[in-house]
Amino acid sequence: MVAKNTVEALQSGAIFGFASLVDGLVTRILAAQGLSAATVVATGALAALIVPESQTITHHEPYLPLLGLHHAHARNN
C-alpha cells in the first residue's frame, strides 16, 4: 500500500518518486553508453530511505560528501 492519508501520500511520493528518478536516469545513461551494468553509489544520510526502493543503486555511502571535504582540507593544510 502506498498511503492511507495525505502525509503518507506525500512521503511515499517523495521516496518512490526519487527512486524512480534515479532508476530512470541510470537506465538512460547505461543505454547511451552501451553498458549493461554500473556501480551506482547513493550518498548522504537520507539516501538510506531511497536505497531499498531503487532497482539500480548498488551501494550506500552516507558520509562520502563529508569524507571528500575532509580529504580536500587535509591536502590543503
N, C-alpha and C. Protein backbone atom coordinates (compact mmCIF):
# COMPACT_ATOMS: atom_id res chain seq x y z
N MET A 1 0.84 -1.17 0.00
CA MET A 1 0.00 0.00 0.00
C MET A 1 0.89 1.24 0.00
N VAL A 2 0.52 2.22 -0.77
CA VAL A 2 1.32 3.43 -0.89
C VAL A 2 1.04 4.38 0.26
N ALA A 3 -0.24 4.65 0.58
CA ALA A 3 -0.54 5.60 1.64
C ALA A 3 -1.98 5.46 2.14
N LYS A 4 -2.19 5.90 3.39
CA LYS A 4 -3.52 5.88 3.99
C LYS A 4 -4.04 7.29 4.25
N ASN A 5 -3.15 8.29 4.19
CA ASN A 5 -3.56 9.67 4.43
C ASN A 5 -2.65 10.61 3.64
N THR A 6 -2.90 11.89 3.76
CA THR A 6 -2.16 12.89 2.97
C THR A 6 -0.68 12.89 3.29
N VAL A 7 -0.33 12.82 4.56
CA VAL A 7 1.08 12.85 4.95
C VAL A 7 1.82 11.64 4.38
N GLU A 8 1.25 10.46 4.53
CA GLU A 8 1.87 9.26 3.98
C GLU A 8 1.95 9.31 2.46
N ALA A 9 0.95 9.90 1.82
CA ALA A 9 0.96 10.02 0.36
C ALA A 9 2.10 10.91 -0.09
N LEU A 10 2.32 12.02 0.60
CA LEU A 10 3.44 12.91 0.26
C LEU A 10 4.78 12.23 0.50
N GLN A 11 4.88 11.53 1.62
CA GLN A 11 6.13 10.84 1.94
C GLN A 11 6.43 9.73 0.93
N SER A 12 5.44 8.91 0.61
CA SER A 12 5.68 7.82 -0.33
C SER A 12 5.92 8.37 -1.73
N GLY A 13 5.26 9.48 -2.07
CA GLY A 13 5.51 10.10 -3.37
C GLY A 13 6.94 10.58 -3.49
N ALA A 14 7.47 11.15 -2.43
CA ALA A 14 8.86 11.62 -2.45
C ALA A 14 9.83 10.44 -2.56
N ILE A 15 9.62 9.42 -1.76
CA ILE A 15 10.52 8.26 -1.76
C ILE A 15 10.46 7.51 -3.09
N PHE A 16 9.27 7.12 -3.50
CA PHE A 16 9.12 6.36 -4.74
C PHE A 16 9.47 7.21 -5.96
N GLY A 17 9.17 8.50 -5.89
CA GLY A 17 9.50 9.40 -6.99
C GLY A 17 10.99 9.53 -7.19
N PHE A 18 11.74 9.74 -6.11
CA PHE A 18 13.19 9.86 -6.23
C PHE A 18 13.83 8.54 -6.64
N ALA A 19 13.32 7.43 -6.11
CA ALA A 19 13.86 6.12 -6.50
C ALA A 19 13.64 5.89 -8.00
N SER A 20 12.47 6.22 -8.49
CA SER A 20 12.18 6.07 -9.92
C SER A 20 13.01 7.03 -10.76
N LEU A 21 13.23 8.23 -10.25
CA LEU A 21 14.08 9.20 -10.94
C LEU A 21 15.49 8.65 -11.12
N VAL A 22 16.05 8.12 -10.04
CA VAL A 22 17.41 7.55 -10.09
C VAL A 22 17.44 6.38 -11.05
N ASP A 23 16.48 5.47 -10.93
CA ASP A 23 16.45 4.30 -11.81
C ASP A 23 16.34 4.69 -13.28
N GLY A 24 15.48 5.66 -13.57
CA GLY A 24 15.32 6.11 -14.95
C GLY A 24 16.58 6.75 -15.49
N LEU A 25 17.21 7.58 -14.68
CA LEU A 25 18.43 8.25 -15.11
C LEU A 25 19.56 7.25 -15.35
N VAL A 26 19.73 6.32 -14.44
CA VAL A 26 20.78 5.30 -14.59
C VAL A 26 20.52 4.44 -15.82
N THR A 27 19.28 4.05 -16.04
CA THR A 27 18.92 3.24 -17.21
C THR A 27 19.25 3.98 -18.50
N ARG A 28 18.93 5.27 -18.55
CA ARG A 28 19.23 6.07 -19.75
C ARG A 28 20.73 6.22 -19.97
N ILE A 29 21.47 6.45 -18.90
CA ILE A 29 22.93 6.59 -19.02
C ILE A 29 23.54 5.28 -19.51
N LEU A 30 23.12 4.16 -18.94
CA LEU A 30 23.64 2.86 -19.37
C LEU A 30 23.34 2.61 -20.84
N ALA A 31 22.13 2.94 -21.27
CA ALA A 31 21.76 2.74 -22.68
C ALA A 31 22.58 3.64 -23.59
N ALA A 32 22.77 4.89 -23.19
CA ALA A 32 23.52 5.84 -24.01
C ALA A 32 24.99 5.44 -24.13
N GLN A 33 25.52 4.84 -23.09
CA GLN A 33 26.93 4.44 -23.09
C GLN A 33 27.13 3.02 -23.59
N GLY A 34 26.06 2.31 -23.86
CA GLY A 34 26.17 0.94 -24.34
C GLY A 34 26.65 -0.03 -23.28
N LEU A 35 26.32 0.25 -22.03
CA LEU A 35 26.75 -0.60 -20.92
C LEU A 35 25.59 -1.45 -20.44
N SER A 36 25.91 -2.58 -19.81
CA SER A 36 24.87 -3.44 -19.27
C SER A 36 24.70 -3.28 -17.77
N ALA A 37 25.73 -2.76 -17.10
CA ALA A 37 25.66 -2.58 -15.65
C ALA A 37 26.65 -1.51 -15.22
N ALA A 38 26.42 -0.97 -14.04
CA ALA A 38 27.32 0.04 -13.47
C ALA A 38 27.18 0.01 -11.96
N THR A 39 28.18 0.53 -11.28
CA THR A 39 28.11 0.69 -9.85
C THR A 39 27.47 2.04 -9.57
N VAL A 40 26.38 2.03 -8.83
CA VAL A 40 25.67 3.26 -8.51
C VAL A 40 25.73 3.44 -7.00
N VAL A 41 26.33 4.55 -6.57
CA VAL A 41 26.52 4.82 -5.15
C VAL A 41 25.61 5.96 -4.73
N ALA A 42 24.77 5.71 -3.74
CA ALA A 42 23.94 6.75 -3.16
C ALA A 42 24.70 7.37 -2.00
N THR A 43 24.75 8.71 -1.97
CA THR A 43 25.50 9.39 -0.91
C THR A 43 24.56 10.23 -0.07
N GLY A 44 24.98 10.48 1.15
CA GLY A 44 24.19 11.27 2.08
C GLY A 44 23.38 10.38 3.00
N ALA A 45 23.11 10.88 4.18
CA ALA A 45 22.43 10.07 5.19
C ALA A 45 21.00 9.73 4.78
N LEU A 46 20.29 10.65 4.14
CA LEU A 46 18.89 10.40 3.77
C LEU A 46 18.75 9.47 2.57
N ALA A 47 19.84 9.18 1.89
CA ALA A 47 19.78 8.24 0.77
C ALA A 47 19.37 6.85 1.24
N ALA A 48 19.54 6.57 2.51
CA ALA A 48 19.14 5.27 3.06
C ALA A 48 17.66 5.03 2.89
N LEU A 49 16.87 6.10 2.76
CA LEU A 49 15.44 5.95 2.55
C LEU A 49 15.12 5.52 1.12
N ILE A 50 15.98 5.87 0.19
CA ILE A 50 15.76 5.62 -1.23
C ILE A 50 16.32 4.26 -1.66
N VAL A 51 17.43 3.86 -1.07
CA VAL A 51 18.14 2.65 -1.50
C VAL A 51 17.25 1.40 -1.57
N PRO A 52 16.43 1.11 -0.57
CA PRO A 52 15.62 -0.12 -0.66
C PRO A 52 14.59 -0.10 -1.79
N GLU A 53 14.20 1.08 -2.23
CA GLU A 53 13.18 1.19 -3.28
C GLU A 53 13.76 1.27 -4.68
N SER A 54 15.06 1.43 -4.80
CA SER A 54 15.71 1.58 -6.09
C SER A 54 16.16 0.22 -6.63
N GLN A 55 16.03 0.06 -7.93
CA GLN A 55 16.49 -1.16 -8.60
C GLN A 55 17.95 -1.06 -9.03
N THR A 56 18.50 0.16 -9.08
CA THR A 56 19.83 0.35 -9.67
C THR A 56 20.91 0.74 -8.68
N ILE A 57 20.56 1.24 -7.51
CA ILE A 57 21.57 1.65 -6.53
C ILE A 57 22.21 0.40 -5.95
N THR A 58 23.54 0.34 -6.03
CA THR A 58 24.25 -0.85 -5.57
C THR A 58 24.95 -0.65 -4.23
N HIS A 59 25.27 0.60 -3.88
CA HIS A 59 25.97 0.88 -2.62
C HIS A 59 25.42 2.15 -1.99
N HIS A 60 25.57 2.22 -0.68
CA HIS A 60 25.20 3.44 0.05
C HIS A 60 26.37 3.87 0.91
N GLU A 61 26.86 5.08 0.68
CA GLU A 61 27.95 5.65 1.46
C GLU A 61 27.44 6.95 2.09
N PRO A 62 26.91 6.88 3.31
CA PRO A 62 26.26 8.05 3.89
C PRO A 62 27.19 9.24 4.14
N TYR A 63 28.47 9.00 4.36
CA TYR A 63 29.38 10.09 4.70
C TYR A 63 30.35 10.43 3.58
N LEU A 64 30.11 9.97 2.38
CA LEU A 64 31.03 10.24 1.28
C LEU A 64 31.25 11.73 1.04
N PRO A 65 30.23 12.58 1.05
CA PRO A 65 30.49 14.01 0.86
C PRO A 65 31.38 14.59 1.96
N LEU A 66 31.17 14.18 3.20
CA LEU A 66 31.99 14.68 4.29
C LEU A 66 33.42 14.15 4.21
N LEU A 67 33.58 12.91 3.78
CA LEU A 67 34.93 12.36 3.62
C LEU A 67 35.69 13.11 2.54
N GLY A 68 35.01 13.46 1.45
CA GLY A 68 35.65 14.23 0.38
C GLY A 68 36.10 15.59 0.89
N LEU A 69 35.26 16.26 1.66
CA LEU A 69 35.65 17.56 2.23
C LEU A 69 36.81 17.41 3.20
N HIS A 70 36.80 16.35 3.97
CA HIS A 70 37.90 16.10 4.91
C HIS A 70 39.22 15.89 4.16
N HIS A 71 39.21 15.10 3.09
CA HIS A 71 40.43 14.85 2.32
C HIS A 71 40.91 16.12 1.64
N ALA A 72 39.99 16.92 1.11
CA ALA A 72 40.38 18.19 0.48
C ALA A 72 41.01 19.13 1.49
N HIS A 73 40.45 19.18 2.68
CA HIS A 73 41.00 20.03 3.73
C HIS A 73 42.38 19.54 4.14
N ALA A 74 42.53 18.24 4.29
CA ALA A 74 43.81 17.66 4.70
C ALA A 74 44.91 17.95 3.68
N ARG A 75 44.57 17.95 2.40
CA ARG A 75 45.56 18.23 1.35
C ARG A 75 46.01 19.68 1.36
N ASN A 76 45.15 20.57 1.79
CA ASN A 76 45.45 21.99 1.72
C ASN A 76 46.02 22.54 3.03
N ASN A 77 46.27 21.69 3.99
CA ASN A 77 46.86 22.14 5.26
C ASN A 77 48.14 21.42 5.55
